[in-house]
Amino acid sequence: MGGIGIWQLVIVLLIVFLLFGTKRLKGLGSDVGEAIQGFRKSMGGEPDAGGAAPSQPQTPVTRQADAQPQTDRRA
């Protein structure tokens, strides 16, 4: 007693779907997800491994260094 059963949750979810509709709930879910990601980023936490971009930008690799011959400085 005192706990929420599965049927109560189903009824609440059904009412929420009827009131807001699936499009609005989908938009609300994506907004909440972006807010959580922004909060984690501002707190310095690691982003999820779900395809998030790396936190530090990578420097581009240039071919100019490969064209110049390297000399061995051992004397």
N, C-alpha and C. Protein backbone atom coordinates (compact mmCIF):
# COMPACT_ATOMS: atom_id res chain seq x y z
N MET A 1 0.83 -1.18 0.00
CA MET A 1 0.00 0.00 0.00
C MET A 1 0.88 1.25 0.00
N GLY A 2 0.35 2.31 -0.54
CA GLY A 2 1.09 3.54 -0.53
C GLY A 2 1.96 3.73 -1.77
N GLY A 3 2.23 2.65 -2.50
CA GLY A 3 3.05 2.75 -3.69
C GLY A 3 2.18 2.92 -4.93
N ILE A 4 2.81 3.40 -5.99
CA ILE A 4 2.08 3.56 -7.25
C ILE A 4 2.22 2.27 -8.04
N GLY A 5 1.11 1.71 -8.43
CA GLY A 5 1.11 0.47 -9.19
C GLY A 5 1.26 0.73 -10.68
N ILE A 6 1.40 -0.34 -11.42
CA ILE A 6 1.60 -0.25 -12.87
C ILE A 6 0.37 0.34 -13.55
N TRP A 7 -0.81 0.01 -13.07
CA TRP A 7 -2.03 0.51 -13.70
C TRP A 7 -2.19 2.01 -13.48
N GLN A 8 -1.80 2.50 -12.33
CA GLN A 8 -1.86 3.94 -12.10
C GLN A 8 -0.89 4.68 -13.03
N LEU A 9 0.29 4.13 -13.23
CA LEU A 9 1.26 4.74 -14.15
C LEU A 9 0.74 4.75 -15.59
N VAL A 10 0.10 3.66 -15.99
CA VAL A 10 -0.45 3.58 -17.35
C VAL A 10 -1.53 4.63 -17.54
N ILE A 11 -2.39 4.79 -16.56
CA ILE A 11 -3.47 5.78 -16.66
C ILE A 11 -2.90 7.20 -16.72
N VAL A 12 -1.89 7.49 -15.89
CA VAL A 12 -1.28 8.82 -15.90
C VAL A 12 -0.61 9.09 -17.25
N LEU A 13 0.12 8.12 -17.78
CA LEU A 13 0.77 8.30 -19.09
C LEU A 13 -0.25 8.49 -20.20
N LEU A 14 -1.36 7.77 -20.14
CA LEU A 14 -2.42 7.91 -21.14
C LEU A 14 -3.01 9.32 -21.09
N ILE A 15 -3.24 9.84 -19.91
CA ILE A 15 -3.78 11.20 -19.77
C ILE A 15 -2.77 12.23 -20.28
N VAL A 16 -1.49 12.03 -19.99
CA VAL A 16 -0.46 12.95 -20.47
C VAL A 16 -0.41 12.94 -21.99
N PHE A 17 -0.48 11.76 -22.60
CA PHE A 17 -0.49 11.68 -24.07
C PHE A 17 -1.71 12.36 -24.66
N LEU A 18 -2.85 12.22 -24.02
CA LEU A 18 -4.06 12.85 -24.54
C LEU A 18 -4.01 14.37 -24.40
N LEU A 19 -3.43 14.86 -23.32
CA LEU A 19 -3.37 16.30 -23.10
C LEU A 19 -2.35 16.98 -24.01
N PHE A 20 -1.17 16.42 -24.14
CA PHE A 20 -0.09 17.11 -24.84
C PHE A 20 0.15 16.62 -26.26
N GLY A 21 -0.15 15.38 -26.54
CA GLY A 21 0.12 14.85 -27.87
C GLY A 21 1.56 14.39 -27.99
N THR A 22 1.80 13.51 -28.95
CA THR A 22 3.13 12.91 -29.08
C THR A 22 4.15 13.90 -29.63
N LYS A 23 3.73 14.80 -30.52
CA LYS A 23 4.70 15.76 -31.08
C LYS A 23 5.24 16.69 -30.00
N ARG A 24 4.37 17.20 -29.16
CA ARG A 24 4.82 18.11 -28.12
C ARG A 24 5.68 17.38 -27.09
N LEU A 25 5.33 16.13 -26.78
CA LEU A 25 6.12 15.36 -25.83
C LEU A 25 7.50 15.03 -26.39
N LYS A 26 7.55 14.76 -27.71
CA LYS A 26 8.85 14.48 -28.35
C LYS A 26 9.74 15.72 -28.30
N GLY A 27 9.18 16.87 -28.59
CA GLY A 27 9.94 18.12 -28.52
C GLY A 27 10.38 18.43 -27.10
N LEU A 28 9.49 18.17 -26.15
CA LEU A 28 9.84 18.41 -24.74
C LEU A 28 10.97 17.47 -24.31
N GLY A 29 10.92 16.23 -24.76
CA GLY A 29 11.98 15.27 -24.42
C GLY A 29 13.33 15.68 -24.98
N SER A 30 13.33 16.16 -26.23
CA SER A 30 14.60 16.59 -26.82
C SER A 30 15.13 17.85 -26.13
N ASP A 31 14.23 18.75 -25.74
CA ASP A 31 14.66 19.95 -25.01
C ASP A 31 15.26 19.59 -23.66
N VAL A 32 14.65 18.66 -22.97
CA VAL A 32 15.18 18.23 -21.67
C VAL A 32 16.54 17.56 -21.85
N GLY A 33 16.68 16.75 -22.90
CA GLY A 33 17.97 16.10 -23.18
C GLY A 33 19.07 17.10 -23.46
N GLU A 34 18.76 18.13 -24.26
CA GLU A 34 19.76 19.17 -24.54
C GLU A 34 20.13 19.93 -23.28
N ALA A 35 19.14 20.18 -22.43
CA ALA A 35 19.42 20.89 -21.18
C ALA A 35 20.33 20.07 -20.28
N ILE A 36 20.10 18.77 -20.21
CA ILE A 36 20.94 17.90 -19.39
C ILE A 36 22.36 17.86 -19.94
N GLN A 37 22.49 17.77 -21.26
CA GLN A 37 23.84 17.76 -21.87
C GLN A 37 24.56 19.07 -21.61
N GLY A 38 23.85 20.18 -21.71
CA GLY A 38 24.47 21.47 -21.43
C GLY A 38 24.90 21.59 -19.98
N PHE A 39 24.08 21.06 -19.08
CA PHE A 39 24.43 21.09 -17.66
C PHE A 39 25.67 20.25 -17.39
N ARG A 40 25.73 19.06 -17.97
CA ARG A 40 26.91 18.20 -17.78
C ARG A 40 28.16 18.86 -18.35
N LYS A 41 28.01 19.50 -19.51
CA LYS A 41 29.16 20.15 -20.14
C LYS A 41 29.65 21.30 -19.27
N SER A 42 28.72 22.07 -18.70
CA SER A 42 29.12 23.20 -17.86
C SER A 42 29.73 22.75 -16.54
N MET A 43 29.34 21.58 -16.06
CA MET A 43 29.90 21.06 -14.81
C MET A 43 31.24 20.36 -15.05
N GLY A 44 31.65 20.20 -16.30
CA GLY A 44 32.94 19.59 -16.61
C GLY A 44 32.88 18.09 -16.69
N GLY A 45 31.72 17.51 -16.73
CA GLY A 45 31.60 16.06 -16.84
C GLY A 45 31.81 15.60 -18.26
N GLU A 46 32.07 14.33 -18.40
CA GLU A 46 32.26 13.74 -19.72
C GLU A 46 30.92 13.58 -20.41
N PRO A 47 30.83 13.86 -21.71
CA PRO A 47 29.58 13.62 -22.42
C PRO A 47 29.33 12.12 -22.57
N ASP A 48 28.09 11.78 -22.83
CA ASP A 48 27.75 10.37 -23.02
C ASP A 48 28.47 9.82 -24.24
N ALA A 49 28.67 8.50 -24.25
CA ALA A 49 29.34 7.85 -25.37
C ALA A 49 28.40 7.65 -26.55
N GLY A 50 27.23 8.20 -26.51
CA GLY A 50 26.24 8.03 -27.56
C GLY A 50 26.46 8.92 -28.76
N GLY A 51 27.69 9.07 -29.21
CA GLY A 51 27.97 9.84 -30.41
C GLY A 51 28.20 11.32 -30.15
N ALA A 52 28.47 11.67 -28.94
CA ALA A 52 28.71 13.07 -28.62
C ALA A 52 30.09 13.48 -29.14
N ALA A 53 30.22 14.74 -29.48
CA ALA A 53 31.48 15.25 -29.99
C ALA A 53 32.52 15.29 -28.87
N PRO A 54 33.81 15.16 -29.21
CA PRO A 54 34.84 15.25 -28.18
C PRO A 54 34.87 16.64 -27.57
N SER A 55 35.30 16.71 -26.31
CA SER A 55 35.25 17.97 -25.60
C SER A 55 36.36 18.93 -26.05
N GLN A 56 37.48 18.43 -26.53
CA GLN A 56 38.57 19.27 -26.99
C GLN A 56 38.68 19.16 -28.51
N PRO A 57 38.78 20.30 -29.20
CA PRO A 57 38.89 20.25 -30.66
C PRO A 57 40.25 19.68 -31.06
N GLN A 58 40.23 18.90 -32.11
CA GLN A 58 41.46 18.30 -32.60
C GLN A 58 42.07 19.21 -33.65
N THR A 59 43.40 19.29 -33.67
CA THR A 59 44.07 20.10 -34.66
C THR A 59 44.16 19.32 -35.96
N PRO A 60 43.97 19.98 -37.09
CA PRO A 60 44.03 19.27 -38.37
C PRO A 60 45.46 18.84 -38.69
N VAL A 61 45.58 17.71 -39.32
CA VAL A 61 46.88 17.19 -39.71
C VAL A 61 47.25 17.78 -41.05
N THR A 62 48.45 18.34 -41.15
CA THR A 62 48.89 18.94 -42.40
C THR A 62 49.93 18.05 -43.06
N ARG A 63 49.97 18.07 -44.34
CA ARG A 63 50.93 17.26 -45.11
C ARG A 63 52.23 18.02 -45.35
N GLN A 64 52.30 19.27 -44.99
CA GLN A 64 53.49 20.07 -45.23
C GLN A 64 54.69 19.51 -44.47
N ALA A 65 54.49 19.01 -43.28
CA ALA A 65 55.59 18.47 -42.49
C ALA A 65 56.14 17.20 -43.12
N ASP A 66 55.30 16.44 -43.81
CA ASP A 66 55.76 15.21 -44.45
C ASP A 66 56.62 15.50 -45.67
N ALA A 67 56.41 16.64 -46.32
CA ALA A 67 57.14 16.97 -47.55
C ALA A 67 58.57 17.39 -47.24
N GLN A 68 58.84 17.93 -46.07
CA GLN A 68 60.18 18.38 -45.74
C GLN A 68 60.98 17.20 -45.17
N PRO A 69 62.22 17.03 -45.66
CA PRO A 69 63.03 15.91 -45.14
C PRO A 69 63.47 16.17 -43.69
N GLN A 70 63.46 15.15 -42.93
CA GLN A 70 63.88 15.23 -41.52
C GLN A 70 65.37 14.86 -41.46
N THR A 71 66.11 15.59 -40.65
CA THR A 71 67.53 15.30 -40.48
C THR A 71 67.74 14.68 -39.13
N ASP A 72 68.67 13.77 -39.06
CA ASP A 72 68.99 13.11 -37.81
C ASP A 72 70.01 13.97 -37.08
N ARG A 73 69.72 14.35 -35.83
CA ARG A 73 70.59 15.27 -35.10
C ARG A 73 71.52 14.54 -34.14
N ARG A 74 71.74 13.30 -34.35
CA ARG A 74 72.70 12.60 -33.47
C ARG A 74 74.11 12.98 -33.88
N ALA A 75 74.95 13.32 -32.94
CA ALA A 75 76.31 13.75 -33.29
C ALA A 75 77.33 12.72 -32.89
